[in-house]
C-alpha atoms as a PDB file:
ATOM      1  CA  MET A   1     149.572  20.370  84.163  1.00  0.00           C
ATOM      2  CA  ASN A   2     149.554  21.553  80.657  1.00  0.00           C
ATOM      3  CA  SER A   3     152.375  23.981  79.906  1.00  0.00           C
ATOM      4  CA  GLN A   4     150.048  26.211  77.916  1.00  0.00           C
ATOM      5  CA  GLU A   5     147.551  26.525  80.761  1.00  0.00           C
ATOM      6  CA  PRO A   6     148.265  29.493  83.048  1.00  0.00           C
ATOM      7  CA  THR A   7     149.204  28.797  86.617  1.00  0.00           C
ATOM      8  CA  PRO A   8     147.311  30.411  89.499  1.00  0.00           C
ATOM      9  CA  SER A   9     150.298  32.680  90.214  1.00  0.00           C
ATOM     10  CA  ALA A  10     150.285  33.835  86.609  1.00  0.00           C
ATOM     11  CA  LEU A  11     146.563  34.748  86.870  1.00  0.00           C
ATOM     12  CA  ARG A  12     146.914  36.790  90.040  1.00  0.00           C
ATOM     13  CA  PRO A  13     148.984  39.650  88.540  1.00  0.00           C
ATOM     14  CA  GLN A  14     146.599  39.962  85.613  1.00  0.00           C
ATOM     15  CA  THR A  15     143.630  40.105  87.993  1.00  0.00           C
ATOM     16  CA  LEU A  16     145.344  42.756  90.125  1.00  0.00           C
ATOM     17  CA  VAL A  17     146.197  44.781  87.032  1.00  0.00           C
ATOM     18  CA  GLY A  18     142.588  44.420  85.887  1.00  0.00           C
ATOM     19  CA  LYS A  19     141.281  45.659  89.261  1.00  0.00           C
ATOM     20  CA  ILE A  20     143.676  48.597  89.257  1.00  0.00           C
ATOM     21  CA  SER A  21     142.596  49.631  85.792  1.00  0.00           C
ATOM     22  CA  ILE A  22     138.883  49.326  86.760  1.00  0.00           C
ATOM     23  CA  TYR A  23     139.381  51.420  89.923  1.00  0.00           C
ATOM     24  CA  GLY A  24     141.551  53.839  88.002  1.00  0.00           C
ATOM     25  CA  SER A  25     138.830  54.240  85.390  1.00  0.00           C
ATOM     26  CA  ILE A  26     136.233  54.883  88.095  1.00  0.00           C
ATOM     27  CA  ILE A  27     138.442  57.445  89.840  1.00  0.00           C
ATOM     28  CA  PHE A  28     139.243  59.098  86.517  1.00  0.00           C
ATOM     29  CA  GLY A  29     135.533  59.242  85.671  1.00  0.00           C
ATOM     30  CA  VAL A  30     134.692  60.814  89.045  1.00  0.00           C
ATOM     31  CA  LEU A  31     137.438  63.397  88.602  1.00  0.00           C
ATOM     32  CA  ILE A  32     136.157  64.281  85.138  1.00  0.00           C
ATOM     33  CA  PHE A  33     132.624  64.627  86.557  1.00  0.00           C
ATOM     34  CA  VAL A  34     133.859  66.942  89.340  1.00  0.00           C
ATOM     35  CA  VAL A  35     135.843  69.111  86.914  1.00  0.00           C
ATOM     36  CA  VAL A  36     132.892  69.417  84.525  1.00  0.00           C
ATOM     37  CA  THR A  37     130.522  70.222  87.395  1.00  0.00           C
ATOM     38  CA  ILE A  38     132.831  72.940  88.687  1.00  0.00           C
ATOM     39  CA  ALA A  39     133.195  74.375  85.197  1.00  0.00           C
ATOM     40  CA  VAL A  40     129.418  74.470  84.686  1.00  0.00           C
ATOM     41  CA  PHE A  41     128.680  76.019  88.078  1.00  0.00           C
ATOM     42  CA  ASP A  42     131.642  78.363  88.183  1.00  0.00           C
ATOM     43  CA  ALA A  43     130.962  81.352  90.450  1.00  0.00           C
ATOM     44  CA  GLU A  44     131.763  83.794  87.641  1.00  0.00           C
ATOM     45  CA  ASP A  45     128.938  82.394  85.534  1.00  0.00           C
ATOM     46  CA  VAL A  46     126.339  82.761  88.297  1.00  0.00           C
ATOM     47  CA  PRO A  47     124.580  86.115  87.905  1.00  0.00           C
ATOM     48  CA  GLU A  48     124.973  88.493  90.810  1.00  0.00           C
ATOM     49  CA  SER A  49     121.918  89.477  92.744  1.00  0.00           C
ATOM     50  CA  THR A  50     119.921  92.161  91.019  1.00  0.00           C
ATOM     51  CA  ALA A  51     118.533  93.431  94.313  1.00  0.00           C
ATOM     52  CA  GLU A  52     119.637  96.877  95.336  1.00  0.00           C
ATOM     53  CA  PRO A  53     121.781  97.004  98.453  1.00  0.00           C
ATOM     54  CA  THR A  54     119.656  97.886 101.413  1.00  0.00           C
ATOM     55  CA  SER A  55     120.283 101.368 102.650  1.00  0.00           C
ATOM     56  CA  ALA A  56     118.427 103.546 105.082  1.00  0.00           C
ATOM     57  CA  PRO A  57     115.838 105.867 103.557  1.00  0.00           C
ATOM     58  CA  ALA A  58     116.382 109.606 103.625  1.00  0.00           C
ATOM     59  CA  GLY A  59     115.576 110.981 107.060  1.00  0.00           C
ATOM     60  CA  PHE A  60     116.176 107.685 108.863  1.00  0.00           C
ATOM     61  CA  VAL A  61     117.216 108.175 112.491  1.00  0.00           C
ATOM     62  CA  ARG A  62     117.832 105.683 115.274  1.00  0.00           C
ATOM     63  CA  ALA A  63     118.418 105.801 118.994  1.00  0.00           C
ATOM     64  CA  GLU A  64     121.840 104.164 118.891  1.00  0.00           C
ATOM     65  CA  ASP A  65     123.172 107.074 116.822  1.00  0.00           C
ATOM     66  CA  TYR A  66     122.058 109.662 119.387  1.00  0.00           C
ATOM     67  CA  GLY A  67     122.707 107.899 122.688  1.00  0.00           C
ATOM     68  CA  ASP A  68     121.168 109.671 125.701  1.00  0.00           C
ATOM     69  CA  ALA A  69     120.048 112.534 123.461  1.00  0.00           C
ATOM     70  CA  TRP A  70     117.516 110.267 121.729  1.00  0.00           C
ATOM     71  CA  PRO A  71     114.170 111.853 122.615  1.00  0.00           C
ATOM     72  CA  LEU A  72     111.709 109.056 121.878  1.00  0.00           C
ATOM     73  CA  THR A  73     110.581 105.726 123.286  1.00  0.00           C
ATOM     74  CA  VAL A  74     110.700 104.007 119.876  1.00  0.00           C
ATOM     75  CA  PRO A  75     114.115 102.793 118.614  1.00  0.00           C
ATOM     76  CA  SER A  76     114.035 104.363 115.145  1.00  0.00           C
ATOM     77  CA  GLY A  77     112.001 106.077 112.474  1.00  0.00           C
ATOM     78  CA  ILE A  78     111.978 108.498 109.570  1.00  0.00           C
ATOM     79  CA  VAL A  79     111.994 112.263 109.972  1.00  0.00           C
ATOM     80  CA  ASP A  80     110.487 114.297 107.157  1.00  0.00           C
ATOM     81  CA  CYS A  81     109.842 117.904 106.266  1.00  0.00           C
ATOM     82  CA  GLU A  82     106.747 118.487 104.202  1.00  0.00           C
ATOM     83  CA  ASP A  83     106.063 121.665 102.280  1.00  0.00           C
ATOM     84  CA  ASP A  84     105.285 124.594 104.582  1.00  0.00           C
ATOM     85  CA  TYR A  85     107.828 123.204 107.072  1.00  0.00           C
ATOM     86  CA  ALA A  86     105.602 120.615 108.683  1.00  0.00           C
ATOM     87  CA  TYR A  87     108.007 118.292 110.535  1.00  0.00           C
ATOM     88  CA  THR A  88     106.935 114.668 110.940  1.00  0.00           C
ATOM     89  CA  PHE A  89     108.323 111.463 112.409  1.00  0.00           C
ATOM     90  CA  GLU A  90     107.194 108.038 111.167  1.00  0.00           C
ATOM     91  CA  ALA A  91     107.648 104.879 113.226  1.00  0.00           C
ATOM     92  CA  ASP A  92     106.021 101.494 112.633  1.00  0.00           C
ATOM     93  CA  GLY A  93     103.694 102.959 110.003  1.00  0.00           C
ATOM     94  CA  THR A  94     102.399 105.729 112.277  1.00  0.00           C
ATOM     95  CA  ILE A  95     103.157 109.377 111.514  1.00  0.00           C
ATOM     96  CA  TYR A  96     103.614 111.829 114.370  1.00  0.00           C
ATOM     97  CA  ALA A  97     103.622 115.626 114.221  1.00  0.00           C
ATOM     98  CA  ILE A  98     106.888 117.058 115.543  1.00  0.00           C
ATOM     99  CA  ASN A  99     105.978 120.746 115.285  1.00  0.00           C
ATOM    100  CA  GLY A 100     102.887 122.957 115.200  1.00  0.00           C
ATOM    101  CA  ALA A 101     102.877 123.193 111.400  1.00  0.00           C
ATOM    102  CA  ALA A 102     102.472 119.401 111.209  1.00  0.00           C
ATOM    103  CA  GLU A 103      99.801 119.421 113.931  1.00  0.00           C
ATOM    104  CA  LEU A 104      97.741 121.844 111.823  1.00  0.00           C
ATOM    105  CA  ARG A 105      97.867 119.584 108.757  1.00  0.00           C
ATOM    106  CA  PRO A 106      94.553 117.986 107.730  1.00  0.00           C
ATOM    107  CA  TYR A 107      96.127 114.488 107.907  1.00  0.00           C
ATOM    108  CA  ASN A 108      95.494 114.053 111.641  1.00  0.00           C
ATOM    109  CA  TYR A 109      99.074 113.137 112.519  1.00  0.00           C
ATOM    110  CA  LEU A 110      99.398 111.798 116.043  1.00  0.00           C
ATOM    111  CA  ASP A 111     100.905 113.948 118.755  1.00  0.00           C
ATOM    112  CA  ILE A 112     104.605 113.200 119.295  1.00  0.00           C
ATOM    113  CA  ARG A 113     104.054 113.407 123.072  1.00  0.00           C
ATOM    114  CA  SER A 114     102.719 109.838 123.062  1.00  0.00           C
ATOM    115  CA  ILE A 115     106.241 108.536 122.274  1.00  0.00           C
ATOM    116  CA  TRP A 116     108.297 111.405 123.763  1.00  0.00           C
ATOM    117  CA  ARG A 117     110.770 110.087 126.322  1.00  0.00           C
ATOM    118  CA  ASP A 118     110.823 111.368 129.905  1.00  0.00           C
ATOM    119  CA  ASN A 119     114.010 113.094 130.943  1.00  0.00           C
ATOM    120  CA  PRO A 120     116.049 110.780 133.199  1.00  0.00           C
ATOM    121  CA  ASP A 121     117.415 113.896 134.952  1.00  0.00           C
ATOM    122  CA  THR A 122     114.806 114.555 137.620  1.00  0.00           C
ATOM    123  CA  SER A 123     116.426 117.615 139.167  1.00  0.00           C
ATOM    124  CA  LEU A 124     114.212 120.661 139.656  1.00  0.00           C
ATOM    125  CA  VAL A 125     115.905 122.596 136.828  1.00  0.00           C
ATOM    126  CA  ALA A 126     115.716 119.807 134.233  1.00  0.00           C
ATOM    127  CA  PRO A 127     112.908 119.823 131.666  1.00  0.00           C
ATOM    128  CA  PRO A 128     110.414 116.967 132.066  1.00  0.00           C
ATOM    129  CA  LYS A 129     111.135 115.530 128.594  1.00  0.00           C
ATOM    130  CA  VAL A 130     114.303 114.920 126.549  1.00  0.00           C
ATOM    131  CA  SER A 131     114.809 117.689 123.976  1.00  0.00           C
ATOM    132  CA  LEU A 132     113.384 117.113 120.494  1.00  0.00           C
ATOM    133  CA  SER A 133     116.268 119.159 119.033  1.00  0.00           C
ATOM    134  CA  PRO A 134     117.865 116.201 117.182  1.00  0.00           C
ATOM    135  CA  LEU A 135     114.595 115.603 115.329  1.00  0.00           C
ATOM    136  CA  PHE A 136     114.143 119.297 114.546  1.00  0.00           C
ATOM    137  CA  LEU A 137     117.687 119.509 113.153  1.00  0.00           C
ATOM    138  CA  LYS A 138     117.155 116.418 110.996  1.00  0.00           C
ATOM    139  CA  ALA A 139     113.822 117.762 109.721  1.00  0.00           C
ATOM    140  CA  GLU A 140     115.463 121.070 108.792  1.00  0.00           C
ATOM    141  CA  GLU A 141     118.036 119.109 106.769  1.00  0.00           C
ATOM    142  CA  MET A 142     115.164 117.424 104.933  1.00  0.00           C
ATOM    143  CA  CYS A 143     113.509 120.730 103.858  1.00  0.00           C
END
């Protein structure tokens, strides 16, 4: 063997060093890519949603807030007081008249009796329907 020619054992460390530097370069490149990606898509740079937070409209009422005192067969709706104290209840796009002033309106509101809940108390002294008082009180607040 020529003394100037490298031996196989002398080549092996150079090859290993070469592989380490190649893998190191790849890992370094991936890390740089991840850091740049995080910097570009940082959460502070993403605009917050411009949508308004959802909140219940004025007059919104629901059964779960009234428990057994809830007087209707629908789970929720919107109580309103129109001028001249016409009390209405809207559920699923249908408007019901709560009081006589609303029944006399020319808008042909439906009669609240179609969704008025029967009183579970069937004793002789109990009224046949659950009291509409919670809706009346809410409508008065709306006037």
